[in-house]
């Protein structure tokens, strides 16, 4: 039988140590089955939300790091990917190889 506190502690440690970004990643690091995880941490529980927030923090840090690397890169594909993320609609149309105007 698993204790919720022990599973939560293990999950938090795994999130931090391995920079996890998905709930499925947490489940893979825990010694229990997926159904057991959701029995201890229903989607609307505070503990689930805490873990989700931790994952969201990791996800945000990863996105910021990647965009920073793309900005500093000389690789055209990375620069184009970054431009598509930051440009407005008019700039995106100018970058596009195809345009479909539905009016």
Protein backbone atom coordinates (compact mmCIF):
# COMPACT_ATOMS: atom_id res chain seq x y z
CA UNK A 1 0.00 0.00 0.00
CA UNK A 2 1.33 3.41 -0.95
CA UNK A 3 1.18 6.50 1.20
CA UNK A 4 0.14 9.67 -0.59
CA UNK A 5 2.80 11.70 1.23
CA UNK A 6 5.57 9.32 0.12
CA UNK A 7 4.38 9.32 -3.49
CA UNK A 8 4.13 13.12 -3.47
CA UNK A 9 7.64 13.48 -2.07
CA UNK A 10 9.05 11.09 -4.69
CA UNK A 11 7.13 12.87 -7.44
CA UNK A 12 8.38 16.32 -6.42
CA UNK A 13 11.96 15.07 -6.24
CA UNK A 14 11.66 13.50 -9.71
CA UNK A 15 10.17 16.69 -11.17
CA UNK A 16 13.04 18.78 -9.86
CA UNK A 17 15.90 16.33 -10.45
CA UNK A 18 14.84 15.25 -13.96
CA UNK A 19 13.18 18.49 -15.10
CA UNK A 20 9.99 16.65 -15.99
CA UNK A 21 7.35 18.39 -18.10
CA UNK A 22 4.46 15.90 -18.37
CA UNK A 23 2.25 14.11 -15.84
CA UNK A 24 3.06 10.84 -17.61
CA UNK A 25 6.73 11.46 -16.84
CA UNK A 26 5.95 11.64 -13.13
CA UNK A 27 4.02 8.38 -13.27
CA UNK A 28 6.97 6.66 -14.96
CA UNK A 29 9.23 7.65 -12.05
CA UNK A 30 6.86 6.44 -9.35
CA UNK A 31 6.80 2.86 -8.07
CA UNK A 32 3.04 2.58 -8.63
CA UNK A 33 0.66 2.00 -11.51
CA UNK A 34 -1.05 4.84 -13.35
CA UNK A 35 -4.42 4.03 -11.78
CA UNK A 36 -2.86 4.16 -8.31
CA UNK A 37 -1.39 7.56 -9.10
CA UNK A 38 -4.82 8.95 -9.98
CA UNK A 39 -6.38 7.35 -6.89
CA UNK A 40 -3.91 9.28 -4.74
CA UNK A 41 -3.89 12.42 -6.90
CA UNK A 42 -7.25 13.11 -8.57
CA UNK A 43 -7.10 15.87 -11.20
CA UNK A 44 -8.80 18.43 -8.97
CA UNK A 45 -6.73 17.73 -5.85
CA UNK A 46 -4.33 20.29 -4.39
CA UNK A 47 -1.41 17.85 -4.66
CA UNK A 48 -2.11 17.26 -8.35
CA UNK A 49 -2.27 21.01 -8.94
CA UNK A 50 1.03 21.46 -7.07
CA UNK A 51 2.73 18.89 -9.29
CA UNK A 52 1.14 20.40 -12.39
CA UNK A 53 2.43 23.85 -11.40
CA UNK A 54 5.92 22.42 -10.93
CA UNK A 55 5.73 20.85 -14.41
CA UNK A 56 4.51 24.14 -15.85
CA UNK A 57 7.49 25.93 -14.30
CA UNK A 58 9.86 23.41 -15.92
CA UNK A 59 8.04 23.77 -19.24
CA UNK A 60 8.29 27.57 -19.13
CA UNK A 61 11.99 27.49 -18.23
CA UNK A 62 12.62 25.09 -21.11
CA UNK A 63 10.76 27.29 -23.61
CA UNK A 64 12.64 30.40 -22.50
CA UNK A 65 15.95 28.54 -22.73
CA UNK A 66 15.18 27.23 -26.22
CA UNK A 67 14.10 30.64 -27.51
CA UNK A 68 17.29 32.13 -26.12
CA UNK A 69 19.38 29.52 -27.95
CA UNK A 70 17.42 30.09 -31.15
CA UNK A 71 18.02 33.83 -30.85
CA UNK A 72 21.78 33.34 -30.51
CA UNK A 73 21.98 30.69 -33.23
CA UNK A 74 23.14 31.26 -36.79
CA UNK A 75 21.07 28.31 -38.03
CA UNK A 76 18.44 29.61 -40.47
CA UNK A 77 15.86 26.99 -39.46
CA UNK A 78 16.08 28.03 -35.80
CA UNK A 79 15.93 31.70 -36.66
CA UNK A 80 12.86 31.07 -38.82
CA UNK A 81 11.19 29.09 -36.04
CA UNK A 82 11.79 31.91 -33.59
CA UNK A 83 10.53 34.50 -36.05
CA UNK A 84 7.32 32.54 -36.55
CA UNK A 85 6.81 32.54 -32.78
CA UNK A 86 7.33 36.25 -32.33
CA UNK A 87 6.04 37.82 -35.56
CA UNK A 88 2.67 39.41 -36.18
CA UNK A 89 0.16 38.18 -38.79
CA UNK A 90 1.41 40.47 -41.57
CA UNK A 91 5.01 39.37 -41.06
CA UNK A 92 3.91 35.73 -40.95
CA UNK A 93 2.15 36.16 -44.32
CA UNK A 94 5.31 37.62 -45.82
CA UNK A 95 7.34 34.65 -44.54
CA UNK A 96 4.88 32.08 -45.79
CA UNK A 97 5.57 30.17 -48.96
CA UNK A 98 1.83 29.70 -49.52
CA UNK A 99 -0.98 32.07 -48.83
CA UNK A 100 -4.66 31.33 -48.81
CA UNK A 101 -6.90 34.33 -48.42
CA UNK A 102 -10.41 33.41 -47.42
CA UNK A 103 -12.66 36.43 -47.44
